[in-house]
All heavy atoms as atom14 arrays in JSON, in Angstrom:
{
  "sequence": "AVPYSGWDFNDSICKSENGEINDYNDIYQVRDCRLVGLLDLALGK",
  "atom14_mask": [
    [1, 1, 1, 1, 1, 0, 0, 0, 0, 0, 0, 0, 0, 0],
    [1, 1, 1, 1, 1, 1, 1, 0, 0, 0, 0, 0, 0, 0],
    [1, 1, 1, 1, 1, 1, 1, 0, 0, 0, 0, 0, 0, 0],
    [1, 1, 1, 1, 1, 1, 1, 1, 1, 1, 1, 1, 0, 0],
    [1, 1, 1, 1, 1, 1, 0, 0, 0, 0, 0, 0, 0, 0],
    [1, 1, 1, 1, 0, 0, 0, 0, 0, 0, 0, 0, 0, 0],
    [1, 1, 1, 1, 1, 1, 1, 1, 1, 1, 1, 1, 1, 1],
    [1, 1, 1, 1, 1, 1, 1, 1, 0, 0, 0, 0, 0, 0],
    [1, 1, 1, 1, 1, 1, 1, 1, 1, 1, 1, 0, 0, 0],
    [1, 1, 1, 1, 1, 1, 1, 1, 0, 0, 0, 0, 0, 0],
    [1, 1, 1, 1, 1, 1, 1, 1, 0, 0, 0, 0, 0, 0],
    [1, 1, 1, 1, 1, 1, 0, 0, 0, 0, 0, 0, 0, 0],
    [1, 1, 1, 1, 1, 1, 1, 1, 0, 0, 0, 0, 0, 0],
    [1, 1, 1, 1, 1, 1, 0, 0, 0, 0, 0, 0, 0, 0],
    [1, 1, 1, 1, 1, 1, 1, 1, 1, 0, 0, 0, 0, 0],
    [1, 1, 1, 1, 1, 1, 0, 0, 0, 0, 0, 0, 0, 0],
    [1, 1, 1, 1, 1, 1, 1, 1, 1, 0, 0, 0, 0, 0],
    [1, 1, 1, 1, 1, 1, 1, 1, 0, 0, 0, 0, 0, 0],
    [1, 1, 1, 1, 0, 0, 0, 0, 0, 0, 0, 0, 0, 0],
    [1, 1, 1, 1, 1, 1, 1, 1, 1, 0, 0, 0, 0, 0],
    [1, 1, 1, 1, 1, 1, 1, 1, 0, 0, 0, 0, 0, 0],
    [1, 1, 1, 1, 1, 1, 1, 1, 0, 0, 0, 0, 0, 0],
    [1, 1, 1, 1, 1, 1, 1, 1, 0, 0, 0, 0, 0, 0],
    [1, 1, 1, 1, 1, 1, 1, 1, 1, 1, 1, 1, 0, 0],
    [1, 1, 1, 1, 1, 1, 1, 1, 0, 0, 0, 0, 0, 0],
    [1, 1, 1, 1, 1, 1, 1, 1, 0, 0, 0, 0, 0, 0],
    [1, 1, 1, 1, 1, 1, 1, 1, 0, 0, 0, 0, 0, 0],
    [1, 1, 1, 1, 1, 1, 1, 1, 1, 1, 1, 1, 0, 0],
    [1, 1, 1, 1, 1, 1, 1, 1, 1, 0, 0, 0, 0, 0],
    [1, 1, 1, 1, 1, 1, 1, 0, 0, 0, 0, 0, 0, 0],
    [1, 1, 1, 1, 1, 1, 1, 1, 1, 1, 1, 0, 0, 0],
    [1, 1, 1, 1, 1, 1, 1, 1, 0, 0, 0, 0, 0, 0],
    [1, 1, 1, 1, 1, 1, 0, 0, 0, 0, 0, 0, 0, 0],
    [1, 1, 1, 1, 1, 1, 1, 1, 1, 1, 1, 0, 0, 0],
    [1, 1, 1, 1, 1, 1, 1, 1, 0, 0, 0, 0, 0, 0],
    [1, 1, 1, 1, 1, 1, 1, 0, 0, 0, 0, 0, 0, 0],
    [1, 1, 1, 1, 0, 0, 0, 0, 0, 0, 0, 0, 0, 0],
    [1, 1, 1, 1, 1, 1, 1, 1, 0, 0, 0, 0, 0, 0],
    [1, 1, 1, 1, 1, 1, 1, 1, 0, 0, 0, 0, 0, 0],
    [1, 1, 1, 1, 1, 1, 1, 1, 0, 0, 0, 0, 0, 0],
    [1, 1, 1, 1, 1, 1, 1, 1, 0, 0, 0, 0, 0, 0],
    [1, 1, 1, 1, 1, 0, 0, 0, 0, 0, 0, 0, 0, 0],
    [1, 1, 1, 1, 1, 1, 1, 1, 0, 0, 0, 0, 0, 0],
    [1, 1, 1, 1, 0, 0, 0, 0, 0, 0, 0, 0, 0, 0],
    [1, 1, 1, 1, 1, 1, 1, 1, 1, 0, 0, 0, 0, 0]
  ],
  "atom14_positions": [
    [[84.66, 118.77, 77.83], [84.78, 119.92, 76.88], [85.93, 119.66, 75.87], [86.02, 120.38, 74.85], [85.02, 121.23, 77.63], [0.0, 0.0, 0.0], [0.0, 0.0, 0.0], [0.0, 0.0, 0.0], [0.0, 0.0, 0.0], [0.0, 0.0, 0.0], [0.0, 0.0, 0.0], [0.0, 0.0, 0.0], [0.0, 0.0, 0.0], [0.0, 0.0, 0.0]],
    [[86.8, 118.62, 76.12], [87.85, 118.35, 75.11], [87.34, 117.41, 74.04], [87.49, 117.79, 72.83], [89.12, 117.79, 75.85], [90.18, 117.45, 74.8], [89.68, 118.81, 76.84], [0.0, 0.0, 0.0], [0.0, 0.0, 0.0], [0.0, 0.0, 0.0], [0.0, 0.0, 0.0], [0.0, 0.0, 0.0], [0.0, 0.0, 0.0], [0.0, 0.0, 0.0]],
    [[86.87, 116.15, 74.25], [86.77, 115.51, 75.55], [87.92, 114.55, 75.83], [88.48, 113.96, 74.9], [85.47, 114.64, 75.29], [85.51, 114.3, 73.83], [86.19, 115.45, 73.14], [0.0, 0.0, 0.0], [0.0, 0.0, 0.0], [0.0, 0.0, 0.0], [0.0, 0.0, 0.0], [0.0, 0.0, 0.0], [0.0, 0.0, 0.0], [0.0, 0.0, 0.0]],
    [[88.26, 114.43, 77.14], [89.16, 113.44, 77.63], [88.41, 112.6, 78.68], [87.57, 113.14, 79.41], [90.41, 114.06, 78.31], [91.42, 114.66, 77.38], [92.03, 115.88, 77.76], [91.8, 114.03, 76.21], [92.97, 116.45, 76.92], [92.74, 114.66, 75.36], [93.35, 115.84, 75.75], [94.32, 116.41, 74.94], [0.0, 0.0, 0.0], [0.0, 0.0, 0.0]],
    [[88.79, 111.32, 78.78], [88.23, 110.43, 79.79], [89.42, 109.71, 80.46], [90.62, 109.97, 80.11], [87.32, 109.39, 79.17], [88.06, 108.48, 78.4], [0.0, 0.0, 0.0], [0.0, 0.0, 0.0], [0.0, 0.0, 0.0], [0.0, 0.0, 0.0], [0.0, 0.0, 0.0], [0.0, 0.0, 0.0], [0.0, 0.0, 0.0], [0.0, 0.0, 0.0]],
    [[89.12, 108.83, 81.38], [90.16, 108.07, 82.1], [91.11, 107.32, 81.17], [92.24, 107.0, 81.58], [0.0, 0.0, 0.0], [0.0, 0.0, 0.0], [0.0, 0.0, 0.0], [0.0, 0.0, 0.0], [0.0, 0.0, 0.0], [0.0, 0.0, 0.0], [0.0, 0.0, 0.0], [0.0, 0.0, 0.0], [0.0, 0.0, 0.0], [0.0, 0.0, 0.0]],
    [[90.65, 106.98, 79.94], [91.5, 106.27, 79.01], [92.67, 107.13, 78.5], [93.6, 106.6, 77.92], [90.67, 105.83, 77.8], [89.62, 104.84, 78.09], [88.31, 105.05, 78.23], [89.82, 103.45, 78.29], [87.62, 103.89, 78.52], [88.53, 102.87, 78.55], [90.91, 102.6, 78.29], [88.34, 101.49, 78.82], [90.76, 101.24, 78.52], [89.49, 100.73, 78.8]],
    [[92.57, 108.44, 78.71], [93.5, 109.35, 78.05], [94.63, 109.85, 79.0], [95.31, 110.82, 78.7], [92.74, 110.57, 77.51], [91.67, 110.1, 76.52], [91.95, 109.25, 75.68], [90.54, 110.59, 76.63], [0.0, 0.0, 0.0], [0.0, 0.0, 0.0], [0.0, 0.0, 0.0], [0.0, 0.0, 0.0], [0.0, 0.0, 0.0], [0.0, 0.0, 0.0]],
    [[94.84, 109.15, 80.11], [95.82, 109.53, 81.09], [96.79, 108.37, 81.36], [96.48, 107.18, 81.05], [95.18, 110.03, 82.37], [94.41, 111.3, 82.17], [93.06, 111.28, 81.75], [95.0, 112.54, 82.27], [92.36, 112.43, 81.53], [94.27, 113.7, 82.04], [92.97, 113.65, 81.67], [0.0, 0.0, 0.0], [0.0, 0.0, 0.0], [0.0, 0.0, 0.0]],
    [[97.93, 108.67, 81.97], [99.01, 107.69, 82.06], [99.01, 106.83, 83.35], [99.97, 106.13, 83.62], [100.38, 108.42, 82.04], [100.88, 108.61, 80.62], [100.55, 107.83, 79.72], [101.65, 109.67, 80.39], [0.0, 0.0, 0.0], [0.0, 0.0, 0.0], [0.0, 0.0, 0.0], [0.0, 0.0, 0.0], [0.0, 0.0, 0.0], [0.0, 0.0, 0.0]],
    [[97.89, 106.82, 84.09], [97.87, 106.09, 85.35], [98.32, 104.65, 85.21], [99.05, 104.13, 86.06], [96.44, 106.1, 85.93], [95.9, 107.56, 86.02], [96.34, 108.29, 86.9], [95.09, 107.9, 85.16], [0.0, 0.0, 0.0], [0.0, 0.0, 0.0], [0.0, 0.0, 0.0], [0.0, 0.0, 0.0], [0.0, 0.0, 0.0], [0.0, 0.0, 0.0]],
    [[97.93, 104.01, 84.12], [98.19, 102.52, 83.98], [99.66, 102.27, 83.75], [100.17, 101.12, 83.99], [97.37, 101.95, 82.87], [97.71, 102.54, 81.63], [0.0, 0.0, 0.0], [0.0, 0.0, 0.0], [0.0, 0.0, 0.0], [0.0, 0.0, 0.0], [0.0, 0.0, 0.0], [0.0, 0.0, 0.0], [0.0, 0.0, 0.0], [0.0, 0.0, 0.0]],
    [[100.44, 103.28, 83.25], [101.85, 103.0, 82.98], [102.77, 103.63, 83.99], [103.97, 103.37, 83.98], [102.28, 103.38, 81.52], [102.06, 104.9, 81.32], [101.45, 102.61, 80.51], [102.68, 105.37, 79.97], [0.0, 0.0, 0.0], [0.0, 0.0, 0.0], [0.0, 0.0, 0.0], [0.0, 0.0, 0.0], [0.0, 0.0, 0.0], [0.0, 0.0, 0.0]],
    [[102.24, 104.51, 84.85], [103.05, 105.1, 85.9], [103.5, 104.03, 86.89], [102.66, 103.27, 87.41], [102.3, 106.21, 86.65], [103.14, 106.81, 88.13], [0.0, 0.0, 0.0], [0.0, 0.0, 0.0], [0.0, 0.0, 0.0], [0.0, 0.0, 0.0], [0.0, 0.0, 0.0], [0.0, 0.0, 0.0], [0.0, 0.0, 0.0], [0.0, 0.0, 0.0]],
    [[104.81, 103.99, 87.18], [105.32, 102.89, 88.06], [105.61, 103.33, 89.48], [106.23, 102.55, 90.23], [106.6, 102.35, 87.41], [106.43, 101.67, 86.04], [105.54, 100.45, 86.1], [105.54, 99.66, 84.83], [104.8, 100.32, 83.75], [0.0, 0.0, 0.0], [0.0, 0.0, 0.0], [0.0, 0.0, 0.0], [0.0, 0.0, 0.0], [0.0, 0.0, 0.0]],
    [[105.21, 104.53, 89.87], [105.43, 104.93, 91.26], [104.3, 104.41, 92.14], [103.21, 104.1, 91.62], [105.57, 106.44, 91.39], [104.33, 107.07, 91.27], [0.0, 0.0, 0.0], [0.0, 0.0, 0.0], [0.0, 0.0, 0.0], [0.0, 0.0, 0.0], [0.0, 0.0, 0.0], [0.0, 0.0, 0.0], [0.0, 0.0, 0.0], [0.0, 0.0, 0.0]],
    [[104.53, 104.36, 93.42], [103.53, 103.77, 94.32], [102.26, 104.58, 94.41], [101.13, 104.04, 94.53], [104.12, 103.63, 95.74], [105.21, 102.53, 95.82], [105.76, 102.39, 97.23], [105.18, 102.99, 98.12], [106.78, 101.72, 97.39], [0.0, 0.0, 0.0], [0.0, 0.0, 0.0], [0.0, 0.0, 0.0], [0.0, 0.0, 0.0], [0.0, 0.0, 0.0]],
    [[102.37, 105.93, 94.33], [101.2, 106.81, 94.52], [100.79, 107.54, 93.28], [99.94, 108.44, 93.34], [101.44, 107.76, 95.67], [102.65, 108.69, 95.4], [103.32, 108.54, 94.37], [102.88, 109.64, 96.31], [0.0, 0.0, 0.0], [0.0, 0.0, 0.0], [0.0, 0.0, 0.0], [0.0, 0.0, 0.0], [0.0, 0.0, 0.0], [0.0, 0.0, 0.0]],
    [[101.4, 107.2, 92.12], [101.02, 107.87, 90.87], [101.71, 109.19, 90.68], [101.57, 109.85, 89.65], [0.0, 0.0, 0.0], [0.0, 0.0, 0.0], [0.0, 0.0, 0.0], [0.0, 0.0, 0.0], [0.0, 0.0, 0.0], [0.0, 0.0, 0.0], [0.0, 0.0, 0.0], [0.0, 0.0, 0.0], [0.0, 0.0, 0.0], [0.0, 0.0, 0.0]],
    [[102.52, 109.6, 91.66], [103.24, 110.88, 91.58], [104.71, 110.66, 91.21], [105.24, 109.52, 91.29], [103.23, 111.58, 92.96], [101.89, 111.96, 93.47], [101.3, 113.18, 92.79], [102.06, 114.11, 92.47], [100.11, 113.16, 92.52], [0.0, 0.0, 0.0], [0.0, 0.0, 0.0], [0.0, 0.0, 0.0], [0.0, 0.0, 0.0], [0.0, 0.0, 0.0]],
    [[105.4, 111.73, 90.76], [106.84, 111.67, 90.54], [107.51, 111.73, 91.91], [107.42, 112.75, 92.59], [107.33, 112.82, 89.69], [106.62, 112.81, 88.3], [108.86, 112.7, 89.5], [106.86, 114.06, 87.47], [0.0, 0.0, 0.0], [0.0, 0.0, 0.0], [0.0, 0.0, 0.0], [0.0, 0.0, 0.0], [0.0, 0.0, 0.0], [0.0, 0.0, 0.0]],
    [[108.12, 110.63, 92.33], [108.81, 110.58, 93.63], [110.36, 110.57, 93.45], [111.06, 110.87, 94.4], [108.41, 109.34, 94.4], [106.91, 109.31, 94.64], [106.33, 110.35, 94.99], [106.27, 108.17, 94.48], [0.0, 0.0, 0.0], [0.0, 0.0, 0.0], [0.0, 0.0, 0.0], [0.0, 0.0, 0.0], [0.0, 0.0, 0.0], [0.0, 0.0, 0.0]],
    [[110.82, 110.21, 92.26], [112.24, 110.05, 92.05], [112.65, 110.64, 90.7], [112.34, 110.12, 89.65], [112.59, 108.57, 92.09], [114.11, 108.31, 91.86], [114.88, 109.3, 91.75], [114.48, 107.12, 91.76], [0.0, 0.0, 0.0], [0.0, 0.0, 0.0], [0.0, 0.0, 0.0], [0.0, 0.0, 0.0], [0.0, 0.0, 0.0], [0.0, 0.0, 0.0]],
    [[113.32, 111.81, 90.73], [113.69, 112.48, 89.47], [114.87, 111.8, 88.78], [115.24, 112.19, 87.69], [113.99, 113.95, 89.74], [112.74, 114.84, 89.59], [111.8, 114.89, 90.64], [112.48, 115.49, 88.42], [110.63, 115.64, 90.51], [111.34, 116.27, 88.3], [110.41, 116.33, 89.32], [109.28, 117.08, 89.2], [0.0, 0.0, 0.0], [0.0, 0.0, 0.0]],
    [[115.44, 110.76, 89.38], [116.47, 110.0, 88.68], [115.85, 108.84, 87.92], [116.6, 108.11, 87.23], [117.49, 109.48, 89.7], [118.39, 110.55, 90.18], [118.98, 111.31, 89.4], [118.52, 110.73, 91.51], [0.0, 0.0, 0.0], [0.0, 0.0, 0.0], [0.0, 0.0, 0.0], [0.0, 0.0, 0.0], [0.0, 0.0, 0.0], [0.0, 0.0, 0.0]],
    [[114.53, 108.69, 88.0], [113.83, 107.63, 87.24], [113.11, 108.36, 86.09], [112.07, 108.98, 86.26], [112.82, 106.93, 88.17], [112.06, 105.83, 87.47], [112.0, 105.83, 86.2], [111.48, 104.96, 88.19], [0.0, 0.0, 0.0], [0.0, 0.0, 0.0], [0.0, 0.0, 0.0], [0.0, 0.0, 0.0], [0.0, 0.0, 0.0], [0.0, 0.0, 0.0]],
    [[113.63, 108.22, 84.85], [113.1, 108.97, 83.74], [111.65, 108.53, 83.42], [110.88, 109.29, 82.83], [113.97, 108.85, 82.47], [114.07, 107.4, 82.02], [115.35, 109.4, 82.75], [114.8, 107.28, 80.65], [0.0, 0.0, 0.0], [0.0, 0.0, 0.0], [0.0, 0.0, 0.0], [0.0, 0.0, 0.0], [0.0, 0.0, 0.0], [0.0, 0.0, 0.0]],
    [[111.32, 107.25, 83.77], [109.94, 106.8, 83.5], [108.95, 107.47, 84.46], [107.86, 107.86, 84.0], [109.9, 105.29, 83.61], [110.75, 104.58, 82.58], [112.07, 104.25, 82.84], [110.25, 104.35, 81.29], [112.85, 103.61, 81.89], [111.0, 103.72, 80.34], [112.33, 103.38, 80.63], [113.11, 102.82, 79.64], [0.0, 0.0, 0.0], [0.0, 0.0, 0.0]],
    [[109.34, 107.64, 85.72], [108.45, 108.38, 86.62], [108.3, 109.82, 86.19], [107.17, 110.38, 86.16], [109.06, 108.38, 88.05], [108.72, 107.13, 88.83], [109.04, 107.29, 90.31], [108.84, 108.39, 90.86], [109.43, 106.25, 90.95], [0.0, 0.0, 0.0], [0.0, 0.0, 0.0], [0.0, 0.0, 0.0], [0.0, 0.0, 0.0], [0.0, 0.0, 0.0]],
    [[109.39, 110.46, 85.81], [109.37, 111.88, 85.44], [108.43, 112.11, 84.26], [107.74, 113.14, 84.2], [110.78, 112.39, 85.13], [110.74, 113.8, 84.57], [111.66, 112.32, 86.36], [0.0, 0.0, 0.0], [0.0, 0.0, 0.0], [0.0, 0.0, 0.0], [0.0, 0.0, 0.0], [0.0, 0.0, 0.0], [0.0, 0.0, 0.0], [0.0, 0.0, 0.0]],
    [[108.35, 111.13, 83.35], [107.58, 111.32, 82.1], [106.23, 110.66, 82.08], [105.37, 110.96, 81.26], [108.42, 110.88, 80.93], [109.57, 111.87, 80.63], [110.6, 111.2, 79.74], [111.57, 112.17, 79.23], [112.77, 111.82, 78.75], [113.12, 110.54, 78.71], [113.61, 112.72, 78.27], [0.0, 0.0, 0.0], [0.0, 0.0, 0.0], [0.0, 0.0, 0.0]],
    [[106.04, 109.67, 82.99], [104.76, 108.91, 82.97], [103.89, 109.11, 84.16], [102.76, 108.6, 84.24], [105.05, 107.42, 82.82], [105.7, 107.07, 81.49], [105.5, 107.84, 80.5], [106.41, 106.01, 81.42], [0.0, 0.0, 0.0], [0.0, 0.0, 0.0], [0.0, 0.0, 0.0], [0.0, 0.0, 0.0], [0.0, 0.0, 0.0], [0.0, 0.0, 0.0]],
    [[104.4, 109.82, 85.17], [103.64, 110.02, 86.46], [103.23, 111.45, 86.61], [103.63, 112.33, 85.84], [104.45, 109.48, 87.63], [104.88, 107.74, 87.51], [0.0, 0.0, 0.0], [0.0, 0.0, 0.0], [0.0, 0.0, 0.0], [0.0, 0.0, 0.0], [0.0, 0.0, 0.0], [0.0, 0.0, 0.0], [0.0, 0.0, 0.0], [0.0, 0.0, 0.0]],
    [[102.48, 111.71, 87.65], [101.9, 113.04, 87.85], [102.89, 114.03, 88.47], [103.52, 113.75, 89.5], [100.68, 112.96, 88.77], [99.54, 112.15, 88.17], [98.39, 112.01, 89.17], [97.28, 111.25, 88.58], [96.17, 110.91, 89.25], [96.06, 111.27, 90.56], [95.21, 110.21, 88.66], [0.0, 0.0, 0.0], [0.0, 0.0, 0.0], [0.0, 0.0, 0.0]],
    [[103.04, 115.16, 87.85], [103.85, 116.26, 88.35], [102.98, 117.04, 89.36], [101.95, 117.58, 88.94], [104.3, 117.17, 87.19], [104.93, 118.49, 87.53], [106.24, 118.31, 88.22], [105.08, 119.31, 86.26], [0.0, 0.0, 0.0], [0.0, 0.0, 0.0], [0.0, 0.0, 0.0], [0.0, 0.0, 0.0], [0.0, 0.0, 0.0], [0.0, 0.0, 0.0]],
    [[103.36, 117.05, 90.6], [102.6, 117.69, 91.71], [101.09, 117.52, 91.56], [100.34, 118.47, 91.69], [102.97, 119.18, 91.89], [104.44, 119.31, 92.35], [102.82, 120.0, 90.59], [0.0, 0.0, 0.0], [0.0, 0.0, 0.0], [0.0, 0.0, 0.0], [0.0, 0.0, 0.0], [0.0, 0.0, 0.0], [0.0, 0.0, 0.0], [0.0, 0.0, 0.0]],
    [[100.67, 116.31, 91.32], [99.25, 115.98, 91.28], [98.52, 116.29, 90.01], [97.35, 115.97, 89.83], [0.0, 0.0, 0.0], [0.0, 0.0, 0.0], [0.0, 0.0, 0.0], [0.0, 0.0, 0.0], [0.0, 0.0, 0.0], [0.0, 0.0, 0.0], [0.0, 0.0, 0.0], [0.0, 0.0, 0.0], [0.0, 0.0, 0.0], [0.0, 0.0, 0.0]],
    [[99.19, 116.87, 89.04], [98.56, 117.23, 87.75], [98.31, 115.95, 86.94], [99.23, 115.13, 86.77], [99.48, 118.19, 86.98], [99.68, 119.55, 87.67], [100.89, 120.26, 87.1], [98.42, 120.42, 87.52], [0.0, 0.0, 0.0], [0.0, 0.0, 0.0], [0.0, 0.0, 0.0], [0.0, 0.0, 0.0], [0.0, 0.0, 0.0], [0.0, 0.0, 0.0]],
    [[97.11, 115.82, 86.43], [96.74, 114.57, 85.72], [97.5, 114.44, 84.43], [97.4, 115.28, 83.52], [95.22, 114.58, 85.45], [94.33, 114.62, 86.7], [92.85, 114.67, 86.33], [94.6, 113.43, 87.64], [0.0, 0.0, 0.0], [0.0, 0.0, 0.0], [0.0, 0.0, 0.0], [0.0, 0.0, 0.0], [0.0, 0.0, 0.0], [0.0, 0.0, 0.0]],
    [[98.34, 113.4, 84.34], [99.33, 113.3, 83.25], [98.71, 112.71, 82.0], [98.27, 111.54, 81.98], [100.48, 112.38, 83.75], [101.72, 112.56, 82.9], [102.24, 113.67, 82.87], [102.17, 111.57, 82.29], [0.0, 0.0, 0.0], [0.0, 0.0, 0.0], [0.0, 0.0, 0.0], [0.0, 0.0, 0.0], [0.0, 0.0, 0.0], [0.0, 0.0, 0.0]],
    [[98.69, 113.5, 80.92], [98.1, 113.04, 79.65], [98.92, 111.93, 79.01], [100.13, 111.98, 79.03], [97.93, 114.23, 78.73], [96.75, 115.15, 78.99], [96.89, 116.45, 78.18], [95.42, 114.43, 78.7], [0.0, 0.0, 0.0], [0.0, 0.0, 0.0], [0.0, 0.0, 0.0], [0.0, 0.0, 0.0], [0.0, 0.0, 0.0], [0.0, 0.0, 0.0]],
    [[98.24, 111.0, 78.39], [98.88, 109.9, 77.67], [99.22, 110.32, 76.26], [98.54, 109.97, 75.3], [97.95, 108.69, 77.68], [0.0, 0.0, 0.0], [0.0, 0.0, 0.0], [0.0, 0.0, 0.0], [0.0, 0.0, 0.0], [0.0, 0.0, 0.0], [0.0, 0.0, 0.0], [0.0, 0.0, 0.0], [0.0, 0.0, 0.0], [0.0, 0.0, 0.0]],
    [[100.31, 111.06, 76.15], [100.69, 111.58, 74.82], [101.26, 110.49, 73.9], [101.53, 110.74, 72.73], [101.72, 112.69, 74.99], [101.17, 114.1, 75.28], [102.3, 115.04, 75.57], [100.35, 114.61, 74.11], [0.0, 0.0, 0.0], [0.0, 0.0, 0.0], [0.0, 0.0, 0.0], [0.0, 0.0, 0.0], [0.0, 0.0, 0.0], [0.0, 0.0, 0.0]],
    [[101.38, 109.27, 74.45], [101.72, 108.16, 73.58], [100.56, 107.67, 72.77], [100.72, 106.91, 71.8], [0.0, 0.0, 0.0], [0.0, 0.0, 0.0], [0.0, 0.0, 0.0], [0.0, 0.0, 0.0], [0.0, 0.0, 0.0], [0.0, 0.0, 0.0], [0.0, 0.0, 0.0], [0.0, 0.0, 0.0], [0.0, 0.0, 0.0], [0.0, 0.0, 0.0]],
    [[99.33, 108.12, 73.04], [98.13, 107.73, 72.32], [97.8, 108.71, 71.22], [97.81, 109.92, 71.43], [96.91, 107.62, 73.25], [97.08, 106.51, 74.33], [95.82, 106.37, 75.15], [95.91, 105.21, 76.13], [94.68, 105.07, 76.92], [0.0, 0.0, 0.0], [0.0, 0.0, 0.0], [0.0, 0.0, 0.0], [0.0, 0.0, 0.0], [0.0, 0.0, 0.0]]
  ]
}
């Protein structure tokens, strides 16, 4: 309905093991990984 597809999310650049934010002292995880499982949009695109 937007449309968004798998290309439009940050999975490929998230550097945590499970795709989630595990370390709030890592600014890259906080901004590139999933907040409590929410699918993180690739706002860099």
